[in-house]
Amino acid sequence: QVINYGPRLSQDMTGQLFNSMVSVRDKRTNVGPHLGLGLFIARLIAEFHGGIISAENLIEDEGVCFSITI
């Protein structure tokens, strides 16, 4: 597990988090984060070894917990 104490994930971002080169932008303002290749590659490696990768917002704190299960 890895815990990131940055901003929580929005629902829009959660569904696309492990895809390649995703841009999650607000339709009104055209502002938002870009997701690169890192989490996509992590997903491919986990799946190659028969595992899964997941991310969920922390319940009590600001942040996200990333987990890889093999």
PDB file of N, CA and C in Angstrom:
ATOM      1  N   GLN A   1       0.832  -1.184   0.000  1.00  0.00           N
ATOM      2  CA  GLN A   1       0.000   0.000   0.000  1.00  0.00           C
ATOM      3  C   GLN A   1       0.873   1.243   0.000  1.00  0.00           C
ATOM      4  N   VAL A   2       0.359   2.264  -0.655  1.00  0.00           N
ATOM      5  CA  VAL A   2       0.985   3.584  -0.642  1.00  0.00           C
ATOM      6  C   VAL A   2      -0.115   4.582  -0.333  1.00  0.00           C
ATOM      7  N   ILE A   3       0.147   5.478   0.610  1.00  0.00           N
ATOM      8  CA  ILE A   3      -0.840   6.502   0.957  1.00  0.00           C
ATOM      9  C   ILE A   3      -0.316   7.853   0.502  1.00  0.00           C
ATOM     10  N   ASN A   4      -1.157   8.563  -0.229  1.00  0.00           N
ATOM     11  CA  ASN A   4      -0.857   9.905  -0.711  1.00  0.00           C
ATOM     12  C   ASN A   4      -1.773  10.852   0.051  1.00  0.00           C
ATOM     13  N   TYR A   5      -1.207  11.791   0.792  1.00  0.00           N
ATOM     14  CA  TYR A   5      -2.020  12.721   1.575  1.00  0.00           C
ATOM     15  C   TYR A   5      -2.382  13.979   0.800  1.00  0.00           C
ATOM     16  N   GLY A   6      -2.460  13.873  -0.505  1.00  0.00           N
ATOM     17  CA  GLY A   6      -2.881  14.983  -1.353  1.00  0.00           C
ATOM     18  C   GLY A   6      -4.397  15.026  -1.451  1.00  0.00           C
ATOM     19  N   PRO A   7      -4.920  15.669  -2.477  1.00  0.00           N
ATOM     20  CA  PRO A   7      -6.373  15.782  -2.646  1.00  0.00           C
ATOM     21  C   PRO A   7      -7.034  14.427  -2.884  1.00  0.00           C
ATOM     22  N   ARG A   8      -8.292  14.340  -2.479  1.00  0.00           N
ATOM     23  CA  ARG A   8      -9.078  13.121  -2.687  1.00  0.00           C
ATOM     24  C   ARG A   8      -9.416  12.977  -4.174  1.00  0.00           C
ATOM     25  N   LEU A   9      -9.782  11.762  -4.575  1.00  0.00           N
ATOM     26  CA  LEU A   9     -10.167  11.487  -5.957  1.00  0.00           C
ATOM     27  C   LEU A   9     -11.640  11.817  -6.166  1.00  0.00           C
ATOM     28  N   SER A  10     -11.948  12.463  -7.277  1.00  0.00           N
ATOM     29  CA  SER A  10     -13.350  12.677  -7.635  1.00  0.00           C
ATOM     30  C   SER A  10     -13.875  11.399  -8.278  1.00  0.00           C
ATOM     31  N   GLN A  11     -15.192  11.262  -8.359  1.00  0.00           N
ATOM     32  CA  GLN A  11     -15.771  10.075  -8.996  1.00  0.00           C
ATOM     33  C   GLN A  11     -15.382   9.999 -10.466  1.00  0.00           C
ATOM     34  N   ASP A  12     -15.309  11.142 -11.149  1.00  0.00           N
ATOM     35  CA  ASP A  12     -14.899  11.157 -12.559  1.00  0.00           C
ATOM     36  C   ASP A  12     -13.497  10.586 -12.720  1.00  0.00           C
ATOM     37  N   MET A  13     -12.614  10.945 -11.810  1.00  0.00           N
ATOM     38  CA  MET A  13     -11.229  10.508 -11.904  1.00  0.00           C
ATOM     39  C   MET A  13     -11.069   9.038 -11.520  1.00  0.00           C
ATOM     40  N   THR A  14     -11.835   8.565 -10.556  1.00  0.00           N
ATOM     41  CA  THR A  14     -11.679   7.203 -10.051  1.00  0.00           C
ATOM     42  C   THR A  14     -11.860   6.161 -11.152  1.00  0.00           C
ATOM     43  N   GLY A  15     -12.834   6.337 -12.015  1.00  0.00           N
ATOM     44  CA  GLY A  15     -13.099   5.356 -13.061  1.00  0.00           C
ATOM     45  C   GLY A  15     -12.045   5.299 -14.150  1.00  0.00           C
ATOM     46  N   GLN A  16     -11.220   6.345 -14.259  1.00  0.00           N
ATOM     47  CA  GLN A  16     -10.240   6.419 -15.342  1.00  0.00           C
ATOM     48  C   GLN A  16      -8.799   6.421 -14.845  1.00  0.00           C
ATOM     49  N   LEU A  17      -8.619   6.301 -13.563  1.00  0.00           N
ATOM     50  CA  LEU A  17      -7.322   6.498 -12.921  1.00  0.00           C
ATOM     51  C   LEU A  17      -6.213   5.621 -13.480  1.00  0.00           C
ATOM     52  N   PHE A  18      -6.520   4.383 -13.837  1.00  0.00           N
ATOM     53  CA  PHE A  18      -5.491   3.443 -14.276  1.00  0.00           C
ATOM     54  C   PHE A  18      -5.446   3.284 -15.793  1.00  0.00           C
ATOM     55  N   ASN A  19      -6.080   4.209 -16.525  1.00  0.00           N
ATOM     56  CA  ASN A  19      -6.024   4.214 -17.986  1.00  0.00           C
ATOM     57  C   ASN A  19      -4.856   5.077 -18.453  1.00  0.00           C
ATOM     58  N   SER A  20      -4.500   4.960 -19.708  1.00  0.00           N
ATOM     59  CA  SER A  20      -3.360   5.684 -20.270  1.00  0.00           C
ATOM     60  C   SER A  20      -3.744   7.088 -20.728  1.00  0.00           C
ATOM     61  N   MET A  21      -2.938   8.074 -20.347  1.00  0.00           N
ATOM     62  CA  MET A  21      -3.021   9.448 -20.847  1.00  0.00           C
ATOM     63  C   MET A  21      -4.430  10.036 -20.783  1.00  0.00           C
ATOM     64  N   VAL A  22      -5.000  10.074 -19.591  1.00  0.00           N
ATOM     65  CA  VAL A  22      -6.365  10.560 -19.394  1.00  0.00           C
ATOM     66  C   VAL A  22      -6.336  12.020 -18.954  1.00  0.00           C
ATOM     67  N   SER A  23      -7.266  12.803 -19.451  1.00  0.00           N
ATOM     68  CA  SER A  23      -7.456  14.176 -19.009  1.00  0.00           C
ATOM     69  C   SER A  23      -8.849  14.275 -18.402  1.00  0.00           C
ATOM     70  N   VAL A  24      -8.914  14.636 -17.135  1.00  0.00           N
ATOM     71  CA  VAL A  24     -10.201  14.786 -16.453  1.00  0.00           C
ATOM     72  C   VAL A  24     -10.418  16.281 -16.267  1.00  0.00           C
ATOM     73  N   ARG A  25     -11.192  16.879 -17.152  1.00  0.00           N
ATOM     74  CA  ARG A  25     -11.378  18.329 -17.131  1.00  0.00           C
ATOM     75  C   ARG A  25     -12.821  18.696 -16.812  1.00  0.00           C
ATOM     76  N   ASP A  26     -12.969  19.803 -16.107  1.00  0.00           N
ATOM     77  CA  ASP A  26     -14.286  20.367 -15.836  1.00  0.00           C
ATOM     78  C   ASP A  26     -14.825  20.905 -17.162  1.00  0.00           C
ATOM     79  N   LYS A  27     -16.002  20.472 -17.554  1.00  0.00           N
ATOM     80  CA  LYS A  27     -16.563  20.861 -18.852  1.00  0.00           C
ATOM     81  C   LYS A  27     -16.836  22.366 -18.946  1.00  0.00           C
ATOM     82  N   ARG A  28     -17.108  23.003 -17.808  1.00  0.00           N
ATOM     83  CA  ARG A  28     -17.412  24.436 -17.822  1.00  0.00           C
ATOM     84  C   ARG A  28     -16.155  25.295 -17.923  1.00  0.00           C
ATOM     85  N   THR A  29     -15.105  24.908 -17.176  1.00  0.00           N
ATOM     86  CA  THR A  29     -13.904  25.741 -17.103  1.00  0.00           C
ATOM     87  C   THR A  29     -12.739  25.214 -17.933  1.00  0.00           C
ATOM     88  N   ASN A  30     -12.843  23.980 -18.418  1.00  0.00           N
ATOM     89  CA  ASN A  30     -11.770  23.319 -19.172  1.00  0.00           C
ATOM     90  C   ASN A  30     -10.472  23.240 -18.360  1.00  0.00           C
ATOM     91  N   VAL A  31     -10.613  23.085 -17.037  1.00  0.00           N
ATOM     92  CA  VAL A  31      -9.469  22.984 -16.137  1.00  0.00           C
ATOM     93  C   VAL A  31      -9.536  21.649 -15.419  1.00  0.00           C
ATOM     94  N   GLY A  32      -8.395  21.027 -15.222  1.00  0.00           N
ATOM     95  CA  GLY A  32      -8.361  19.774 -14.486  1.00  0.00           C
ATOM     96  C   GLY A  32      -7.058  19.049 -14.699  1.00  0.00           C
ATOM     97  N   PRO A  33      -6.850  17.973 -13.954  1.00  0.00           N
ATOM     98  CA  PRO A  33      -5.575  17.257 -14.018  1.00  0.00           C
ATOM     99  C   PRO A  33      -5.458  16.358 -15.248  1.00  0.00           C
ATOM    100  N   HIS A  34      -4.231  16.080 -15.592  1.00  0.00           N
ATOM    101  CA  HIS A  34      -3.900  15.098 -16.628  1.00  0.00           C
ATOM    102  C   HIS A  34      -3.245  13.914 -15.935  1.00  0.00           C
ATOM    103  N   LEU A  35      -3.591  12.724 -16.339  1.00  0.00           N
ATOM    104  CA  LEU A  35      -2.976  11.524 -15.783  1.00  0.00           C
ATOM    105  C   LEU A  35      -2.077  10.927 -16.850  1.00  0.00           C
ATOM    106  N   GLY A  36      -0.853  10.640 -16.490  1.00  0.00           N
ATOM    107  CA  GLY A  36       0.116  10.143 -17.463  1.00  0.00           C
ATOM    108  C   GLY A  36       0.129   8.633 -17.560  1.00  0.00           C
ATOM    109  N   LEU A  37       1.323   8.074 -17.575  1.00  0.00           N
ATOM    110  CA  LEU A  37       1.487   6.640 -17.790  1.00  0.00           C
ATOM    111  C   LEU A  37       1.781   5.853 -16.518  1.00  0.00           C
ATOM    112  N   GLY A  38       2.190   6.498 -15.446  1.00  0.00           N
ATOM    113  CA  GLY A  38       2.650   5.791 -14.253  1.00  0.00           C
ATOM    114  C   GLY A  38       1.660   4.789 -13.679  1.00  0.00           C
ATOM    115  N   LEU A  39       0.438   5.208 -13.407  1.00  0.00           N
ATOM    116  CA  LEU A  39      -0.552   4.293 -12.830  1.00  0.00           C
ATOM    117  C   LEU A  39      -1.025   3.268 -13.855  1.00  0.00           C
ATOM    118  N   PHE A  40      -1.031   3.638 -15.119  1.00  0.00           N
ATOM    119  CA  PHE A  40      -1.366   2.697 -16.186  1.00  0.00           C
ATOM    120  C   PHE A  40      -0.338   1.566 -16.229  1.00  0.00           C
ATOM    121  N   ILE A  41       0.940   1.912 -16.172  1.00  0.00           N
ATOM    122  CA  ILE A  41       2.006   0.903 -16.183  1.00  0.00           C
ATOM    123  C   ILE A  41       1.941   0.049 -14.923  1.00  0.00           C
ATOM    124  N   ALA A  42       1.669   0.669 -13.777  1.00  0.00           N
ATOM    125  CA  ALA A  42       1.531  -0.097 -12.528  1.00  0.00           C
ATOM    126  C   ALA A  42       0.404  -1.120 -12.650  1.00  0.00           C
ATOM    127  N   ARG A  43      -0.713  -0.730 -13.281  1.00  0.00           N
ATOM    128  CA  ARG A  43      -1.827  -1.664 -13.492  1.00  0.00           C
ATOM    129  C   ARG A  43      -1.403  -2.823 -14.384  1.00  0.00           C
ATOM    130  N   LEU A  44      -0.693  -2.531 -15.473  1.00  0.00           N
ATOM    131  CA  LEU A  44      -0.239  -3.588 -16.383  1.00  0.00           C
ATOM    132  C   LEU A  44       0.692  -4.572 -15.675  1.00  0.00           C
ATOM    133  N   ILE A  45       1.603  -4.071 -14.861  1.00  0.00           N
ATOM    134  CA  ILE A  45       2.529  -4.944 -14.133  1.00  0.00           C
ATOM    135  C   ILE A  45       1.774  -5.815 -13.139  1.00  0.00           C
ATOM    136  N   ALA A  46       0.842  -5.209 -12.387  1.00  0.00           N
ATOM    137  CA  ALA A  46       0.049  -5.984 -11.424  1.00  0.00           C
ATOM    138  C   ALA A  46      -0.744  -7.073 -12.137  1.00  0.00           C
ATOM    139  N   GLU A  47      -1.395  -6.731 -13.243  1.00  0.00           N
ATOM    140  CA  GLU A  47      -2.193  -7.714 -13.985  1.00  0.00           C
ATOM    141  C   GLU A  47      -1.321  -8.803 -14.598  1.00  0.00           C
ATOM    142  N   PHE A  48      -0.125  -8.466 -15.061  1.00  0.00           N
ATOM    143  CA  PHE A  48       0.798  -9.450 -15.624  1.00  0.00           C
ATOM    144  C   PHE A  48       1.135 -10.526 -14.588  1.00  0.00           C
ATOM    145  N   HIS A  49       1.187 -10.122 -13.324  1.00  0.00           N
ATOM    146  CA  HIS A  49       1.502 -11.050 -12.236  1.00  0.00           C
ATOM    147  C   HIS A  49       0.243 -11.643 -11.587  1.00  0.00           C
ATOM    148  N   GLY A  50      -0.905 -11.462 -12.236  1.00  0.00           N
ATOM    149  CA  GLY A  50      -2.152 -12.021 -11.723  1.00  0.00           C
ATOM    150  C   GLY A  50      -2.772 -11.223 -10.592  1.00  0.00           C
ATOM    151  N   GLY A  51      -2.378  -9.979 -10.458  1.00  0.00           N
ATOM    152  CA  GLY A  51      -2.876  -9.154  -9.356  1.00  0.00           C
ATOM    153  C   GLY A  51      -3.801  -8.054  -9.821  1.00  0.00           C
ATOM    154  N   ILE A  52      -4.161  -7.219  -8.874  1.00  0.00           N
ATOM    155  CA  ILE A  52      -5.011  -6.061  -9.152  1.00  0.00           C
ATOM    156  C   ILE A  52      -4.434  -4.849  -8.433  1.00  0.00           C
ATOM    157  N   ILE A  53      -4.756  -3.681  -8.953  1.00  0.00           N
ATOM    158  CA  ILE A  53      -4.384  -2.428  -8.318  1.00  0.00           C
ATOM    159  C   ILE A  53      -5.667  -1.653  -8.072  1.00  0.00           C
ATOM    160  N   SER A  54      -5.724  -0.958  -6.950  1.00  0.00           N
ATOM    161  CA  SER A  54      -6.930  -0.195  -6.627  1.00  0.00           C
ATOM    162  C   SER A  54      -6.543   1.089  -5.905  1.00  0.00           C
ATOM    163  N   ALA A  55      -7.479   2.006  -5.852  1.00  0.00           N
ATOM    164  CA  ALA A  55      -7.283   3.268  -5.144  1.00  0.00           C
ATOM    165  C   ALA A  55      -8.592   3.641  -4.479  1.00  0.00           C
ATOM    166  N   GLU A  56      -8.497   4.111  -3.243  1.00  0.00           N
ATOM    167  CA  GLU A  56      -9.702   4.583  -2.564  1.00  0.00           C
ATOM    168  C   GLU A  56      -9.354   5.756  -1.671  1.00  0.00           C
ATOM    169  N   ASN A  57     -10.298   6.681  -1.558  1.00  0.00           N
ATOM    170  CA  ASN A  57     -10.103   7.838  -0.700  1.00  0.00           C
ATOM    171  C   ASN A  57     -10.015   7.398   0.750  1.00  0.00           C
ATOM    172  N   LEU A  58      -9.157   8.070   1.516  1.00  0.00           N
ATOM    173  CA  LEU A  58      -9.082   7.796   2.948  1.00  0.00           C
ATOM    174  C   LEU A  58     -10.380   8.255   3.598  1.00  0.00           C
ATOM    175  N   ILE A  59     -10.824   7.528   4.591  1.00  0.00           N
ATOM    176  CA  ILE A  59     -12.110   7.825   5.221  1.00  0.00           C
ATOM    177  C   ILE A  59     -12.036   9.064   6.107  1.00  0.00           C
ATOM    178  N   GLU A  60     -11.033   9.138   6.964  1.00  0.00           N
ATOM    179  CA  GLU A  60     -10.988  10.217   7.949  1.00  0.00           C
ATOM    180  C   GLU A  60     -10.072  11.370   7.556  1.00  0.00           C
ATOM    181  N   ASP A  61      -9.132  11.133   6.665  1.00  0.00           N
ATOM    182  CA  ASP A  61      -8.156  12.154   6.298  1.00  0.00           C
ATOM    183  C   ASP A  61      -8.270  12.508   4.828  1.00  0.00           C
ATOM    184  N   GLU A  62      -7.649  13.610   4.467  1.00  0.00           N
ATOM    185  CA  GLU A  62      -7.501  13.985   3.067  1.00  0.00           C
ATOM    186  C   GLU A  62      -6.449  13.063   2.469  1.00  0.00           C
ATOM    187  N   GLY A  63      -6.730  12.456   1.346  1.00  0.00           N
ATOM    188  CA  GLY A  63      -5.741  11.607   0.704  1.00  0.00           C
ATOM    189  C   GLY A  63      -6.338  10.363   0.089  1.00  0.00           C
ATOM    190  N   VAL A  64      -5.449   9.555  -0.509  1.00  0.00           N
ATOM    191  CA  VAL A  64      -5.842   8.362  -1.254  1.00  0.00           C
ATOM    192  C   VAL A  64      -4.905   7.220  -0.882  1.00  0.00           C
ATOM    193  N   CYS A  65      -5.464   6.016  -0.743  1.00  0.00           N
ATOM    194  CA  CYS A  65      -4.676   4.815  -0.490  1.00  0.00           C
ATOM    195  C   CYS A  65      -4.662   3.978  -1.766  1.00  0.00           C
ATOM    196  N   PHE A  66      -3.465   3.719  -2.284  1.00  0.00           N
ATOM    197  CA  PHE A  66      -3.275   2.875  -3.460  1.00  0.00           C
ATOM    198  C   PHE A  66      -2.805   1.511  -2.984  1.00  0.00           C
ATOM    199  N   SER A  67      -3.407   0.437  -3.497  1.00  0.00           N
ATOM    200  CA  SER A  67      -3.048  -0.926  -3.084  1.00  0.00           C
ATOM    201  C   SER A  67      -2.826  -1.808  -4.299  1.00  0.00           C
ATOM    202  N   ILE A  68      -1.818  -2.672  -4.201  1.00  0.00           N
ATOM    203  CA  ILE A  68      -1.592  -3.717  -5.200  1.00  0.00           C
ATOM    204  C   ILE A  68      -1.665  -5.044  -4.471  1.00  0.00           C
ATOM    205  N   THR A  69      -2.516  -5.946  -4.967  1.00  0.00           N
ATOM    206  CA  THR A  69      -2.667  -7.275  -4.390  1.00  0.00           C
ATOM    207  C   THR A  69      -2.277  -8.295  -5.450  1.00  0.00           C
ATOM    208  N   ILE A  70      -1.335  -9.165  -5.108  1.00  0.00           N
ATOM    209  CA  ILE A  70      -0.878 -10.212  -6.032  1.00  0.00           C
ATOM    210  C   ILE A  70      -1.399 -11.554  -5.522  1.00  0.00           C
TER     211      ILE A  70
END
